[in-house]
Amino acid sequence: YKEIHKSYTSLHYQFPPPLKKPNTMAFNVYTIESLDSNESI
């Protein structure tokens, strides 16, 4: 979980928050995939 949280945090720092970014599809998909992999762990 910590590793996934790290990658999520790094992605969050690389790109602006979804509300300020018009292209949120990739961000949402990445978040959903992270949540799914977190549940499977």
Protein backbone atom coordinates (compact mmCIF):
# COMPACT_ATOMS: atom_id res chain seq x y z
CA TYR A 1 0.00 0.00 0.00
CA LYS A 2 2.83 2.42 0.83
CA GLU A 3 4.49 1.86 -2.54
CA ILE A 4 1.23 2.52 -4.38
CA HIS A 5 0.66 5.62 -2.26
CA LYS A 6 4.18 6.79 -3.15
CA SER A 7 3.58 6.40 -6.88
CA TYR A 8 0.19 8.12 -6.54
CA THR A 9 1.82 11.00 -4.67
CA SER A 10 4.59 11.36 -7.24
CA LEU A 11 2.00 11.42 -10.03
CA HIS A 12 0.04 14.04 -8.10
CA TYR A 13 3.15 16.21 -7.89
CA GLN A 14 3.98 15.73 -11.57
CA PHE A 15 0.52 16.82 -12.73
CA PRO A 16 -1.84 19.49 -11.38
CA PRO A 17 -4.94 18.37 -9.44
CA PRO A 18 -7.70 16.89 -11.64
CA LEU A 19 -10.01 19.85 -11.05
CA LYS A 20 -7.44 22.23 -12.53
CA LYS A 21 -6.52 19.89 -15.38
CA PRO A 22 -8.91 19.46 -18.34
CA ASN A 23 -7.39 16.07 -19.18
CA THR A 24 -8.57 14.06 -16.17
CA MET A 25 -9.27 10.76 -17.93
CA ALA A 26 -5.74 9.39 -17.51
CA PHE A 27 -5.59 10.61 -13.91
CA ASN A 28 -8.93 8.98 -13.04
CA VAL A 29 -7.95 5.72 -14.73
CA TYR A 30 -4.64 5.67 -12.86
CA THR A 31 -6.43 6.31 -9.57
CA ILE A 32 -8.95 3.53 -10.22
CA GLU A 33 -6.17 1.10 -11.16
CA SER A 34 -4.28 2.02 -7.99
CA LEU A 35 -7.37 1.39 -5.87
CA ASP A 36 -7.97 -1.97 -7.57
CA SER A 37 -4.37 -3.11 -7.11
CA ASN A 38 -4.53 -1.91 -3.51
CA GLU A 39 -7.60 -4.07 -2.87
CA SER A 40 -5.97 -7.09 -4.50
CA ILE A 41 -2.87 -6.80 -2.28
